[in-house]
Every structure is written in C-alpha cells, then in structure tokens.
Amino acid sequence: MMRVRNHWKAGLIGLMVAGSLVAGDALAGGGPLAHAPNVPAPVGKRAAKTVVMKFEAKEFTGPIADGVKYDFWSFNGTVPGPMGRLRVGDSVEFHLANHKDNSQPHNIDIHAVNGPGGGAAVNTAKPGEEKVFTWKAMAPGLYIYHCAAGAIVDHIANGMYGLILVEPAGGLPAVDREYYVFESEFFADVKDGKAEFSLQNGLEEHPEYVVFNGSQGALMGDKVLKAKVGETVRIFFGNIGPNGISSFHIIGEIFDRVYLEGAIGGTVNSNVQTTLVPSAGAVIVEFKVDVPGTYTLVDHSIFRVAKGAIGHLVVEGKEDPNVFKAGK
C-alpha cells in the first residue's frame, strides 16, 4: 500500500511515497521496450533493421495516491506505457492487441510515424482483436505516442501514452545513466477511496493529480532514481498534458545539455535551469552530478508539486568542498 505525507505550508513541500503502478504481466510483449523509469539499451553502431514491437491495450484498476485507486487505461499494463528505442532507418512491424476483457476499442498514434493518424487510421482494435501495421523510422528524436480512439480525451487522460526514441545513425553519445520520466495530469472526482475520471474537470483544466510516472510517489521512497558523483545522467522526459505545459526542473542541478523539444539534430541548449515541455511533447536533458545529496525533480509550476509532480535523484559519493559546502 502506498503511503503519502504531504506538507504544504510556510513554503515547505514534502512528499514521501513508496509504491508503483504496474498491472499484471507488465513485461509482456516484445521488441526494444522498457518500463519507466528504465530505458531500453542504446542501439549503438548497428545498421538499420526490421524491429518487431508488441503492445497490448489493457484496462486495470490501480493506486494513484495514498488510499486512492483509479481505473487506468494503459499500454502493456503500465502508466506510462513502455519506452521504445529504435534507430533511424529501422522498419517497425508494430502489433497492437486489445485485451479481450477491455471495455473500449483502442488504437495508437505514434508521433514518430509519417502516415495517416500516426498509424491510428489503420490500427483501431476492438476488445479481443489485434492489428498490425508497418512504418519506417525516418527522423531521429524523442516522440510521444498515445491512444487516439473514440473521443480521444478520455483515452489519453486515463493513461494511454508513452515515449519512443529514434536514435541517429551511430547512436547518441554514451552517458553513465539513463532514465525515463513522464508527467501527466489526471482529472478526477475523488470519493471513498476511488478517483473517477471527470470530463468536466478536464474541460475546466482542473487536474486533481499531476504526477510523474503514473502515480504520486512513483519516484520517491524505494523508487528513487540513483547516480554516483562524477556520472553523467540523461533523462528522457515526456509530458502528455493532456492540457498543461510542464516546467521541468531539478532542484540543485543545471542541465548541461537540453535537446529542445526532443529533437535530435536540432537545437541543443547549454546551462539550462528549467525547460518547457509542451502537451504531447518531450525533451532530452543531460547533466553531470558533482556532489552527493538528494536532488528533487519537479514541475516548477510549483503548486503541481502538491498534486504529485515530484521525484528524487539520490547521488552517492565523495564530497567536493570546492563545489559545495556548508559554511565558509
């Protein structure tokens, strides 16, 4: 059971949670996939090839906050869905199954796809069906995917989204650690330990929860991100919204490199404190950790921290008083 302590007064924010959001056989499927906060292995120097990716739409009930459950709609049983990793030039044979026990038709719009609906035009599956389509990864970058079935808004708002990375030929530069972090809003009315999707709250843009990796506390407690002094960390960060723009910031760090809007081969900014990530957008940030301590990931639209947009990166290693110390 997740446990949350939330203190919001006199400028102090504290949120402590232990828990995760995974349903059933979360690792089912295939291809170069990993579930947040993990990242698939780099493509390295390999040539372009045919890659098979297997996704399953799965509806399940799970924890969203301390003592509160939500009826999630997901890809592969997790919110966010798995992160995929390809290289430019790959041909992708993409399988989308819709679990037989689901209540809704589902599909997938992949922003890395050049084609009608990002694939959604040909892959809508009823419960119990599977659809297959093939697409070529033509442009390197970090891309959102999401369900686009029905009215779209409820499919996205209930958890059907994730990231696909298309690396350039030769791959990205090597770093010591990589993580997958995803921000999302949940529009809900909460009663008796159950959060129910609220279309009206979505229309009014009043989220009950704003979280990293699908639930409050997904990057806290025993789920924190980790690194060692001297290591370079790369975070693949996505923001679905569905409405809000994220002001992604790590308290106590400066981003050495920011691949603006997730583009690879475009603008790379240096020495960035906070980066804006639009709804249905992404960014790649890299930074070297110089001293040990706990660094806090936030959406610096700061009231969202009280709604769950907070996580920790814990860095271990030797102190360096030339960089940071208490006192003179």
C-alpha atoms as a PDB file:
ATOM      1  CA  MET A   1       0.000   0.000   0.000  1.00  0.00           C
ATOM      2  CA  MET A   2       1.312   3.487  -0.902  1.00  0.00           C
ATOM      3  CA  ARG A   3       1.799   5.929   1.935  1.00  0.00           C
ATOM      4  CA  VAL A   4       1.901   9.687   1.381  1.00  0.00           C
ATOM      5  CA  ARG A   5       2.683  12.515   3.733  1.00  0.00           C
ATOM      6  CA  ASN A   6       2.032  15.872   2.112  1.00  0.00           C
ATOM      7  CA  HIS A   7       3.043  19.068   3.923  1.00  0.00           C
ATOM      8  CA  TRP A   8       2.228  22.345   2.205  1.00  0.00           C
ATOM      9  CA  LYS A   9       2.728  25.359   4.443  1.00  0.00           C
ATOM     10  CA  ALA A  10       5.254  28.096   5.066  1.00  0.00           C
ATOM     11  CA  GLY A  11       6.821  27.334   1.697  1.00  0.00           C
ATOM     12  CA  LEU A  12       7.715  23.766   2.662  1.00  0.00           C
ATOM     13  CA  ILE A  13       6.810  20.877   0.419  1.00  0.00           C
ATOM     14  CA  GLY A  14       7.392  17.301   1.476  1.00  0.00           C
ATOM     15  CA  LEU A  15       6.011  14.222  -0.176  1.00  0.00           C
ATOM     16  CA  MET A  16       7.016  10.706   0.805  1.00  0.00           C
ATOM     17  CA  VAL A  17       5.607   7.687  -1.016  1.00  0.00           C
ATOM     18  CA  ALA A  18       6.508   4.059  -1.558  1.00  0.00           C
ATOM     19  CA  GLY A  19       4.708   2.307  -4.381  1.00  0.00           C
ATOM     20  CA  SER A  20       4.479   1.588  -8.080  1.00  0.00           C
ATOM     21  CA  LEU A  21       1.905   1.381 -10.834  1.00  0.00           C
ATOM     22  CA  VAL A  22       2.107  -1.923 -12.666  1.00  0.00           C
ATOM     23  CA  ALA A  23      -0.723  -4.224 -13.692  1.00  0.00           C
ATOM     24  CA  GLY A  24      -0.447  -7.955 -14.247  1.00  0.00           C
ATOM     25  CA  ASP A  25       2.183  -9.175 -16.712  1.00  0.00           C
ATOM     26  CA  ALA A  26       3.685  -5.749 -17.313  1.00  0.00           C
ATOM     27  CA  LEU A  27       6.708  -7.027 -19.208  1.00  0.00           C
ATOM     28  CA  ALA A  28       4.657  -8.979 -21.756  1.00  0.00           C
ATOM     29  CA  GLY A  29       5.298  -8.021 -25.372  1.00  0.00           C
ATOM     30  CA  GLY A  30       8.483  -7.814 -27.332  1.00  0.00           C
ATOM     31  CA  GLY A  31      10.978  -5.607 -29.118  1.00  0.00           C
ATOM     32  CA  PRO A  32      13.259  -2.947 -27.637  1.00  0.00           C
ATOM     33  CA  LEU A  33      10.994  -1.891 -24.759  1.00  0.00           C
ATOM     34  CA  ALA A  34      11.440  -0.945 -21.096  1.00  0.00           C
ATOM     35  CA  HIS A  35       9.076   0.276 -18.394  1.00  0.00           C
ATOM     36  CA  ALA A  36       9.606   3.592 -16.586  1.00  0.00           C
ATOM     37  CA  PRO A  37      11.911   4.655 -15.111  1.00  0.00           C
ATOM     38  CA  ASN A  38      14.043   2.140 -17.000  1.00  0.00           C
ATOM     39  CA  VAL A  39      15.280   2.727 -20.537  1.00  0.00           C
ATOM     40  CA  PRO A  40      15.975   0.188 -23.327  1.00  0.00           C
ATOM     41  CA  ALA A  41      19.600  -0.447 -24.253  1.00  0.00           C
ATOM     42  CA  PRO A  42      21.215   2.000 -26.722  1.00  0.00           C
ATOM     43  CA  VAL A  43      21.179   0.997 -30.388  1.00  0.00           C
ATOM     44  CA  GLY A  44      24.927   1.595 -30.676  1.00  0.00           C
ATOM     45  CA  LYS A  45      26.559   1.305 -34.089  1.00  0.00           C
ATOM     46  CA  ARG A  46      24.195  -1.295 -35.550  1.00  0.00           C
ATOM     47  CA  ALA A  47      22.734  -0.988 -39.018  1.00  0.00           C
ATOM     48  CA  ALA A  48      19.053  -0.324 -39.639  1.00  0.00           C
ATOM     49  CA  LYS A  49      16.905  -3.456 -39.451  1.00  0.00           C
ATOM     50  CA  THR A  50      13.342  -4.706 -39.045  1.00  0.00           C
ATOM     51  CA  VAL A  51      12.138  -4.399 -35.443  1.00  0.00           C
ATOM     52  CA  VAL A  52       9.012  -6.063 -34.040  1.00  0.00           C
ATOM     53  CA  MET A  53       7.168  -4.157 -31.314  1.00  0.00           C
ATOM     54  CA  LYS A  54       4.244  -5.718 -29.439  1.00  0.00           C
ATOM     55  CA  PHE A  55       1.841  -3.557 -27.451  1.00  0.00           C
ATOM     56  CA  GLU A  56      -1.337  -4.559 -25.649  1.00  0.00           C
ATOM     57  CA  ALA A  57      -4.064  -2.150 -24.560  1.00  0.00           C
ATOM     58  CA  LYS A  58      -5.009  -3.098 -21.024  1.00  0.00           C
ATOM     59  CA  GLU A  59      -7.563  -1.555 -18.656  1.00  0.00           C
ATOM     60  CA  PHE A  60      -6.926  -2.056 -14.940  1.00  0.00           C
ATOM     61  CA  THR A  61      -7.540  -0.565 -11.509  1.00  0.00           C
ATOM     62  CA  GLY A  62      -4.535   0.570  -9.513  1.00  0.00           C
ATOM     63  CA  PRO A  63      -3.304   3.101  -6.936  1.00  0.00           C
ATOM     64  CA  ILE A  64      -2.921   6.739  -7.956  1.00  0.00           C
ATOM     65  CA  ALA A  65      -2.406   8.196  -4.464  1.00  0.00           C
ATOM     66  CA  ASP A  66      -2.340   7.078  -0.854  1.00  0.00           C
ATOM     67  CA  GLY A  67      -5.509   5.062  -0.300  1.00  0.00           C
ATOM     68  CA  VAL A  68      -6.974   6.105  -3.654  1.00  0.00           C
ATOM     69  CA  LYS A  69      -7.474   3.895  -6.709  1.00  0.00           C
ATOM     70  CA  TYR A  70      -8.183   4.794 -10.319  1.00  0.00           C
ATOM     71  CA  ASP A  71      -9.443   2.898 -13.372  1.00  0.00           C
ATOM     72  CA  PHE A  72      -6.456   3.242 -15.698  1.00  0.00           C
ATOM     73  CA  TRP A  73      -6.336   2.518 -19.419  1.00  0.00           C
ATOM     74  CA  SER A  74      -2.805   1.594 -20.445  1.00  0.00           C
ATOM     75  CA  PHE A  75      -0.379   0.125 -22.924  1.00  0.00           C
ATOM     76  CA  ASN A  76       1.255  -3.096 -21.675  1.00  0.00           C
ATOM     77  CA  GLY A  77      -0.201  -2.701 -18.211  1.00  0.00           C
ATOM     78  CA  THR A  78       1.767   0.322 -17.024  1.00  0.00           C
ATOM     79  CA  VAL A  79       1.272   4.088 -16.902  1.00  0.00           C
ATOM     80  CA  PRO A  80       3.110   5.473 -18.736  1.00  0.00           C
ATOM     81  CA  GLY A  81       3.405   2.719 -21.322  1.00  0.00           C
ATOM     82  CA  PRO A  82       6.779   1.225 -22.202  1.00  0.00           C
ATOM     83  CA  MET A  83       9.530   3.278 -23.790  1.00  0.00           C
ATOM     84  CA  GLY A  84      10.615   2.056 -27.208  1.00  0.00           C
ATOM     85  CA  ARG A  85      14.067   2.564 -28.705  1.00  0.00           C
ATOM     86  CA  LEU A  86      14.945   2.422 -32.406  1.00  0.00           C
ATOM     87  CA  ARG A  87      17.457   3.883 -34.827  1.00  0.00           C
ATOM     88  CA  VAL A  88      16.724   5.985 -37.857  1.00  0.00           C
ATOM     89  CA  GLY A  89      16.051   3.771 -40.864  1.00  0.00           C
ATOM     90  CA  ASP A  90      14.526   0.895 -38.884  1.00  0.00           C
ATOM     91  CA  SER A  91      11.404  -0.718 -40.308  1.00  0.00           C
ATOM     92  CA  VAL A  92       8.956  -1.329 -37.472  1.00  0.00           C
ATOM     93  CA  GLU A  93       6.421  -4.142 -37.522  1.00  0.00           C
ATOM     94  CA  PHE A  94       4.033  -2.874 -34.873  1.00  0.00           C
ATOM     95  CA  HIS A  95       1.461  -5.138 -33.217  1.00  0.00           C
ATOM     96  CA  LEU A  96      -1.362  -3.674 -31.152  1.00  0.00           C
ATOM     97  CA  ALA A  97      -3.592  -6.132 -29.302  1.00  0.00           C
ATOM     98  CA  ASN A  98      -6.655  -5.078 -27.336  1.00  0.00           C
ATOM     99  CA  HIS A  99      -7.201  -7.342 -24.313  1.00  0.00           C
ATOM    100  CA  LYS A 100     -10.434  -9.303 -24.543  1.00  0.00           C
ATOM    101  CA  ASP A 101     -11.653  -8.048 -21.151  1.00  0.00           C
ATOM    102  CA  ASN A 102     -11.365  -4.366 -22.068  1.00  0.00           C
ATOM    103  CA  SER A 103     -14.474  -2.207 -22.388  1.00  0.00           C
ATOM    104  CA  GLN A 104     -13.299   0.058 -25.222  1.00  0.00           C
ATOM    105  CA  PRO A 105     -11.775  -0.034 -28.716  1.00  0.00           C
ATOM    106  CA  HIS A 106      -8.194   1.278 -28.610  1.00  0.00           C
ATOM    107  CA  ASN A 107      -5.530   2.358 -31.097  1.00  0.00           C
ATOM    108  CA  ILE A 108      -2.183   4.137 -31.078  1.00  0.00           C
ATOM    109  CA  ASP A 109      -0.992   7.396 -32.635  1.00  0.00           C
ATOM    110  CA  ILE A 110       2.823   7.386 -32.705  1.00  0.00           C
ATOM    111  CA  HIS A 111       4.280  10.832 -33.293  1.00  0.00           C
ATOM    112  CA  ALA A 112       7.370   9.251 -34.894  1.00  0.00           C
ATOM    113  CA  VAL A 113       5.234   7.829 -37.726  1.00  0.00           C
ATOM    114  CA  ASN A 114       4.879   9.513 -41.098  1.00  0.00           C
ATOM    115  CA  GLY A 115       1.443   8.307 -42.147  1.00  0.00           C
ATOM    116  CA  PRO A 116      -2.290   8.866 -41.523  1.00  0.00           C
ATOM    117  CA  GLY A 117      -3.113   9.275 -37.852  1.00  0.00           C
ATOM    118  CA  GLY A 118       0.424   8.321 -36.861  1.00  0.00           C
ATOM    119  CA  GLY A 119      -0.804   4.776 -37.513  1.00  0.00           C
ATOM    120  CA  ALA A 120      -4.125   5.220 -35.716  1.00  0.00           C
ATOM    121  CA  ALA A 121      -6.005   5.311 -39.026  1.00  0.00           C
ATOM    122  CA  VAL A 122      -5.283   1.603 -39.563  1.00  0.00           C
ATOM    123  CA  ASN A 123      -4.805   0.077 -36.108  1.00  0.00           C
ATOM    124  CA  THR A 124      -8.036   0.545 -34.130  1.00  0.00           C
ATOM    125  CA  ALA A 125      -8.749  -2.775 -32.422  1.00  0.00           C
ATOM    126  CA  LYS A 126     -11.892  -3.923 -30.668  1.00  0.00           C
ATOM    127  CA  PRO A 127     -11.568  -5.968 -27.453  1.00  0.00           C
ATOM    128  CA  GLY A 128     -10.034  -9.318 -28.373  1.00  0.00           C
ATOM    129  CA  GLU A 129      -8.609  -8.067 -31.693  1.00  0.00           C
ATOM    130  CA  GLU A 130      -5.036  -7.430 -32.825  1.00  0.00           C
ATOM    131  CA  LYS A 131      -3.943  -5.040 -35.567  1.00  0.00           C
ATOM    132  CA  VAL A 132      -0.560  -4.853 -37.285  1.00  0.00           C
ATOM    133  CA  PHE A 133       0.974  -2.055 -39.318  1.00  0.00           C
ATOM    134  CA  THR A 134       4.473  -1.302 -40.582  1.00  0.00           C
ATOM    135  CA  TRP A 135       6.272   2.024 -40.564  1.00  0.00           C
ATOM    136  CA  LYS A 136       9.769   3.368 -41.129  1.00  0.00           C
ATOM    137  CA  ALA A 137      11.595   5.454 -38.531  1.00  0.00           C
ATOM    138  CA  MET A 138      12.604   8.391 -40.716  1.00  0.00           C
ATOM    139  CA  ALA A 139      13.611  11.168 -38.303  1.00  0.00           C
ATOM    140  CA  PRO A 140      15.686  10.921 -35.114  1.00  0.00           C
ATOM    141  CA  GLY A 141      14.128  12.333 -31.951  1.00  0.00           C
ATOM    142  CA  LEU A 142      12.139  11.589 -28.813  1.00  0.00           C
ATOM    143  CA  TYR A 143       8.461  11.126 -29.626  1.00  0.00           C
ATOM    144  CA  ILE A 144       5.185  10.788 -27.755  1.00  0.00           C
ATOM    145  CA  TYR A 145       2.687   8.052 -28.529  1.00  0.00           C
ATOM    146  CA  HIS A 146      -0.902   7.937 -27.280  1.00  0.00           C
ATOM    147  CA  CYS A 147      -4.283   6.363 -27.914  1.00  0.00           C
ATOM    148  CA  ALA A 148      -6.492   8.318 -30.317  1.00  0.00           C
ATOM    149  CA  ALA A 149      -9.638   6.179 -30.277  1.00  0.00           C
ATOM    150  CA  GLY A 150     -13.165   7.440 -29.676  1.00  0.00           C
ATOM    151  CA  ALA A 151     -13.330  10.960 -28.293  1.00  0.00           C
ATOM    152  CA  ILE A 152      -9.552  10.723 -27.636  1.00  0.00           C
ATOM    153  CA  VAL A 153      -9.618  12.820 -24.455  1.00  0.00           C
ATOM    154  CA  ASP A 154     -10.628  10.018 -22.085  1.00  0.00           C
ATOM    155  CA  HIS A 155      -8.190   7.534 -23.649  1.00  0.00           C
ATOM    156  CA  ILE A 156      -5.302   9.956 -23.130  1.00  0.00           C
ATOM    157  CA  ALA A 157      -6.469  11.214 -19.736  1.00  0.00           C
ATOM    158  CA  ASN A 158      -6.811   7.662 -18.394  1.00  0.00           C
ATOM    159  CA  GLY A 159      -3.178   6.728 -19.044  1.00  0.00           C
ATOM    160  CA  MET A 160      -2.604   5.632 -22.663  1.00  0.00           C
ATOM    161  CA  TYR A 161       0.707   7.285 -23.581  1.00  0.00           C
ATOM    162  CA  GLY A 162       4.479   6.876 -23.561  1.00  0.00           C
ATOM    163  CA  LEU A 163       7.720   7.591 -25.436  1.00  0.00           C
ATOM    164  CA  ILE A 164       9.571   6.204 -28.442  1.00  0.00           C
ATOM    165  CA  LEU A 165      13.176   7.244 -29.046  1.00  0.00           C
ATOM    166  CA  VAL A 166      14.584   7.169 -32.575  1.00  0.00           C
ATOM    167  CA  GLU A 167      18.372   7.425 -32.355  1.00  0.00           C
ATOM    168  CA  PRO A 168      20.522   8.800 -35.175  1.00  0.00           C
ATOM    169  CA  ALA A 169      22.868   6.562 -37.153  1.00  0.00           C
ATOM    170  CA  GLY A 170      25.718   5.697 -34.784  1.00  0.00           C
ATOM    171  CA  GLY A 171      23.561   6.329 -31.730  1.00  0.00           C
ATOM    172  CA  LEU A 172      23.584   9.036 -29.073  1.00  0.00           C
ATOM    173  CA  PRO A 173      26.798   9.856 -27.178  1.00  0.00           C
ATOM    174  CA  ALA A 174      27.412   7.455 -24.294  1.00  0.00           C
ATOM    175  CA  VAL A 175      26.423   8.514 -20.769  1.00  0.00           C
ATOM    176  CA  ASP A 176      26.610   6.742 -17.411  1.00  0.00           C
ATOM    177  CA  ARG A 177      22.878   6.503 -16.639  1.00  0.00           C
ATOM    178  CA  GLU A 178      19.613   6.989 -18.482  1.00  0.00           C
ATOM    179  CA  TYR A 179      16.094   7.320 -17.068  1.00  0.00           C
ATOM    180  CA  TYR A 180      12.547   7.576 -18.423  1.00  0.00           C
ATOM    181  CA  VAL A 181      10.287  10.099 -16.671  1.00  0.00           C
ATOM    182  CA  PHE A 182       6.804  11.057 -17.801  1.00  0.00           C
ATOM    183  CA  GLU A 183       4.452  13.754 -16.478  1.00  0.00           C
ATOM    184  CA  SER A 184       0.682  13.567 -16.705  1.00  0.00           C
ATOM    185  CA  GLU A 185      -2.475  15.136 -15.312  1.00  0.00           C
ATOM    186  CA  PHE A 186      -5.466  13.177 -14.037  1.00  0.00           C
ATOM    187  CA  PHE A 187      -8.885  14.817 -13.974  1.00  0.00           C
ATOM    188  CA  ALA A 188     -10.926  13.103 -11.306  1.00  0.00           C
ATOM    189  CA  ASP A 189     -13.599  13.354  -8.673  1.00  0.00           C
ATOM    190  CA  VAL A 190     -12.486  11.501  -5.543  1.00  0.00           C
ATOM    191  CA  LYS A 191     -14.899   9.791  -3.173  1.00  0.00           C
ATOM    192  CA  ASP A 192     -14.490   6.913  -0.719  1.00  0.00           C
ATOM    193  CA  GLY A 193     -11.015   5.955  -1.917  1.00  0.00           C
ATOM    194  CA  LYS A 194     -11.884   5.945  -5.626  1.00  0.00           C
ATOM    195  CA  ALA A 195     -10.898   8.567  -8.197  1.00  0.00           C
ATOM    196  CA  GLU A 196     -13.330   8.666 -11.128  1.00  0.00           C
ATOM    197  CA  PHE A 197     -12.479  10.323 -14.445  1.00  0.00           C
ATOM    198  CA  SER A 198     -14.221  13.702 -14.766  1.00  0.00           C
ATOM    199  CA  LEU A 199     -14.749  15.139 -18.243  1.00  0.00           C
ATOM    200  CA  GLN A 200     -15.921  18.408 -16.709  1.00  0.00           C
ATOM    201  CA  ASN A 201     -12.705  18.794 -14.708  1.00  0.00           C
ATOM    202  CA  GLY A 202     -10.777  18.209 -17.924  1.00  0.00           C
ATOM    203  CA  LEU A 203     -12.779  20.819 -19.803  1.00  0.00           C
ATOM    204  CA  GLU A 204     -12.153  23.282 -16.980  1.00  0.00           C
ATOM    205  CA  GLU A 205      -8.464  22.250 -16.869  1.00  0.00           C
ATOM    206  CA  HIS A 206      -8.553  21.429 -13.146  1.00  0.00           C
ATOM    207  CA  PRO A 207      -6.483  18.275 -12.538  1.00  0.00           C
ATOM    208  CA  GLU A 208      -6.825  16.513  -9.212  1.00  0.00           C
ATOM    209  CA  TYR A 209      -3.375  14.933  -9.687  1.00  0.00           C
ATOM    210  CA  VAL A 210      -0.251  15.947 -11.629  1.00  0.00           C
ATOM    211  CA  VAL A 211       2.255  13.120 -11.357  1.00  0.00           C
ATOM    212  CA  PHE A 212       5.488  11.632 -12.618  1.00  0.00           C
ATOM    213  CA  ASN A 213       5.311   8.057 -13.935  1.00  0.00           C
ATOM    214  CA  GLY A 214       1.639   7.446 -13.340  1.00  0.00           C
ATOM    215  CA  SER A 215       1.048   7.940  -9.623  1.00  0.00           C
ATOM    216  CA  GLN A 216       2.034  10.005  -6.643  1.00  0.00           C
ATOM    217  CA  GLY A 217       5.367   8.823  -5.287  1.00  0.00           C
ATOM    218  CA  ALA A 218       6.475   6.777  -8.294  1.00  0.00           C
ATOM    219  CA  LEU A 219       9.965   8.331  -7.953  1.00  0.00           C
ATOM    220  CA  MET A 220      10.096   8.519  -4.147  1.00  0.00           C
ATOM    221  CA  GLY A 221      10.962   6.231  -1.250  1.00  0.00           C
ATOM    222  CA  ASP A 222      12.442   2.974  -2.561  1.00  0.00           C
ATOM    223  CA  LYS A 223      11.692   4.071  -6.157  1.00  0.00           C
ATOM    224  CA  VAL A 224      14.129   6.995  -6.332  1.00  0.00           C
ATOM    225  CA  LEU A 225      16.483   7.481  -9.260  1.00  0.00           C
ATOM    226  CA  LYS A 226      20.147   6.880  -8.395  1.00  0.00           C
ATOM    227  CA  ALA A 227      23.564   8.052  -9.559  1.00  0.00           C
ATOM    228  CA  LYS A 228      27.142   8.446  -8.340  1.00  0.00           C
ATOM    229  CA  VAL A 229      29.287  11.549  -8.127  1.00  0.00           C
ATOM    230  CA  GLY A 230      31.024  12.247 -11.429  1.00  0.00           C
ATOM    231  CA  GLU A 231      28.440  10.421 -13.548  1.00  0.00           C
ATOM    232  CA  THR A 232      26.547  11.959 -16.431  1.00  0.00           C
ATOM    233  CA  VAL A 233      22.799  11.358 -16.305  1.00  0.00           C
ATOM    234  CA  ARG A 234      20.436  11.529 -19.267  1.00  0.00           C
ATOM    235  CA  ILE A 235      16.687  11.832 -18.706  1.00  0.00           C
ATOM    236  CA  PHE A 236      14.153  11.196 -21.432  1.00  0.00           C
ATOM    237  CA  PHE A 237      11.229  13.313 -20.259  1.00  0.00           C
ATOM    238  CA  GLY A 238       7.739  13.302 -21.727  1.00  0.00           C
ATOM    239  CA  ASN A 239       4.659  15.363 -20.937  1.00  0.00           C
ATOM    240  CA  ILE A 240       1.245  14.275 -22.175  1.00  0.00           C
ATOM    241  CA  GLY A 241      -0.635  17.102 -20.513  1.00  0.00           C
ATOM    242  CA  PRO A 242      -3.364  16.454 -21.569  1.00  0.00           C
ATOM    243  CA  ASN A 243      -3.631  20.220 -21.060  1.00  0.00           C
ATOM    244  CA  GLY A 244      -0.690  21.524 -19.057  1.00  0.00           C
ATOM    245  CA  ILE A 245       2.765  22.639 -20.183  1.00  0.00           C
ATOM    246  CA  SER A 246       5.496  21.313 -17.881  1.00  0.00           C
ATOM    247  CA  SER A 247       8.256  23.482 -16.389  1.00  0.00           C
ATOM    248  CA  PHE A 248      10.748  20.664 -15.813  1.00  0.00           C
ATOM    249  CA  HIS A 249      13.457  21.454 -13.273  1.00  0.00           C
ATOM    250  CA  ILE A 250      15.813  19.566 -10.955  1.00  0.00           C
ATOM    251  CA  ILE A 251      16.442  21.421  -7.708  1.00  0.00           C
ATOM    252  CA  GLY A 252      20.207  21.658  -7.213  1.00  0.00           C
ATOM    253  CA  GLU A 253      21.194  20.887 -10.813  1.00  0.00           C
ATOM    254  CA  ILE A 254      21.753  22.743 -14.068  1.00  0.00           C
ATOM    255  CA  PHE A 255      21.138  20.913 -17.328  1.00  0.00           C
ATOM    256  CA  ASP A 256      24.428  20.772 -19.264  1.00  0.00           C
ATOM    257  CA  ARG A 257      22.586  19.925 -22.492  1.00  0.00           C
ATOM    258  CA  VAL A 258      18.930  20.191 -23.459  1.00  0.00           C
ATOM    259  CA  TYR A 259      17.752  18.681 -26.739  1.00  0.00           C
ATOM    260  CA  LEU A 260      14.986  21.191 -27.279  1.00  0.00           C
ATOM    261  CA  GLU A 261      11.530  19.628 -27.800  1.00  0.00           C
ATOM    262  CA  GLY A 262      13.155  16.199 -28.068  1.00  0.00           C
ATOM    263  CA  ALA A 263      14.657  16.957 -31.478  1.00  0.00           C
ATOM    264  CA  ILE A 264      17.951  15.231 -32.335  1.00  0.00           C
ATOM    265  CA  GLY A 265      19.913  17.216 -34.906  1.00  0.00           C
ATOM    266  CA  GLY A 266      18.200  20.456 -33.903  1.00  0.00           C
ATOM    267  CA  THR A 267      18.852  22.989 -31.150  1.00  0.00           C
ATOM    268  CA  VAL A 268      20.876  21.804 -28.146  1.00  0.00           C
ATOM    269  CA  ASN A 269      20.961  24.409 -25.382  1.00  0.00           C
ATOM    270  CA  SER A 270      23.577  24.544 -22.630  1.00  0.00           C
ATOM    271  CA  ASN A 271      23.414  25.596 -18.967  1.00  0.00           C
ATOM    272  CA  VAL A 272      19.621  25.488 -18.662  1.00  0.00           C
ATOM    273  CA  GLN A 273      17.839  25.823 -15.311  1.00  0.00           C
ATOM    274  CA  THR A 274      14.258  24.942 -16.352  1.00  0.00           C
ATOM    275  CA  THR A 275      12.936  23.684 -19.672  1.00  0.00           C
ATOM    276  CA  LEU A 276       9.391  23.965 -21.020  1.00  0.00           C
ATOM    277  CA  VAL A 277       7.787  20.790 -22.357  1.00  0.00           C
ATOM    278  CA  PRO A 278       4.500  21.246 -24.229  1.00  0.00           C
ATOM    279  CA  SER A 279       1.494  18.988 -24.013  1.00  0.00           C
ATOM    280  CA  ALA A 280       2.246  15.881 -26.097  1.00  0.00           C
ATOM    281  CA  GLY A 281       5.899  16.908 -26.210  1.00  0.00           C
ATOM    282  CA  ALA A 282       9.241  15.665 -24.930  1.00  0.00           C
ATOM    283  CA  VAL A 283      12.761  16.744 -24.081  1.00  0.00           C
ATOM    284  CA  ILE A 284      16.142  15.089 -23.524  1.00  0.00           C
ATOM    285  CA  VAL A 285      18.297  16.554 -20.737  1.00  0.00           C
ATOM    286  CA  GLU A 286      21.839  15.652 -19.687  1.00  0.00           C
ATOM    287  CA  PHE A 287      23.821  16.723 -16.637  1.00  0.00           C
ATOM    288  CA  LYS A 288      26.859  15.696 -14.614  1.00  0.00           C
ATOM    289  CA  VAL A 289      26.371  15.274 -10.856  1.00  0.00           C
ATOM    290  CA  ASP A 290      29.236  16.875  -8.925  1.00  0.00           C
ATOM    291  CA  VAL A 291      28.434  16.319  -5.245  1.00  0.00           C
ATOM    292  CA  PRO A 292      26.382  13.793  -3.255  1.00  0.00           C
ATOM    293  CA  GLY A 293      22.908  14.516  -1.980  1.00  0.00           C
ATOM    294  CA  THR A 294      19.232  14.332  -2.839  1.00  0.00           C
ATOM    295  CA  TYR A 295      18.129  16.257  -5.913  1.00  0.00           C
ATOM    296  CA  THR A 296      14.445  16.929  -6.448  1.00  0.00           C
ATOM    297  CA  LEU A 297      12.700  16.617  -9.809  1.00  0.00           C
ATOM    298  CA  VAL A 298       9.726  18.967 -10.073  1.00  0.00           C
ATOM    299  CA  ASP A 299       7.353  20.681 -12.383  1.00  0.00           C
ATOM    300  CA  HIS A 300       8.266  24.209 -11.312  1.00  0.00           C
ATOM    301  CA  SER A 301       4.702  25.363 -11.877  1.00  0.00           C
ATOM    302  CA  ILE A 302       5.079  24.814  -8.205  1.00  0.00           C
ATOM    303  CA  PHE A 303       1.558  24.123  -6.948  1.00  0.00           C
ATOM    304  CA  ARG A 304       1.687  20.970  -9.085  1.00  0.00           C
ATOM    305  CA  VAL A 305       4.245  19.580  -6.630  1.00  0.00           C
ATOM    306  CA  ALA A 306       1.456  19.383  -4.042  1.00  0.00           C
ATOM    307  CA  LYS A 307      -0.524  17.343  -6.586  1.00  0.00           C
ATOM    308  CA  GLY A 308       2.306  14.849  -7.112  1.00  0.00           C
ATOM    309  CA  ALA A 309       4.783  16.276  -9.666  1.00  0.00           C
ATOM    310  CA  ILE A 310       7.866  15.490  -7.595  1.00  0.00           C
ATOM    311  CA  GLY A 311      10.587  12.837  -7.526  1.00  0.00           C
ATOM    312  CA  HIS A 312      14.082  12.293  -6.159  1.00  0.00           C
ATOM    313  CA  LEU A 313      17.504  11.578  -7.634  1.00  0.00           C
ATOM    314  CA  VAL A 314      19.833  10.322  -4.899  1.00  0.00           C
ATOM    315  CA  VAL A 315      23.547  10.789  -5.614  1.00  0.00           C
ATOM    316  CA  GLU A 316      26.191   8.944  -3.611  1.00  0.00           C
ATOM    317  CA  GLY A 317      29.932   9.552  -3.498  1.00  0.00           C
ATOM    318  CA  LYS A 318      32.700  11.768  -2.158  1.00  0.00           C
ATOM    319  CA  GLU A 319      32.052  15.342  -1.072  1.00  0.00           C
ATOM    320  CA  ASP A 320      33.793  18.127  -3.021  1.00  0.00           C
ATOM    321  CA  PRO A 321      34.060  21.287  -0.890  1.00  0.00           C
ATOM    322  CA  ASN A 322      35.382  23.179  -3.900  1.00  0.00           C
ATOM    323  CA  VAL A 323      31.955  22.791  -5.482  1.00  0.00           C
ATOM    324  CA  PHE A 324      29.648  22.863  -2.450  1.00  0.00           C
ATOM    325  CA  LYS A 325      29.964  23.021   1.344  1.00  0.00           C
ATOM    326  CA  ALA A 326      28.172  24.376   4.346  1.00  0.00           C
ATOM    327  CA  GLY A 327      29.716  27.480   5.918  1.00  0.00           C
ATOM    328  CA  LYS A 328      32.777  29.413   4.792  1.00  0.00           C
END
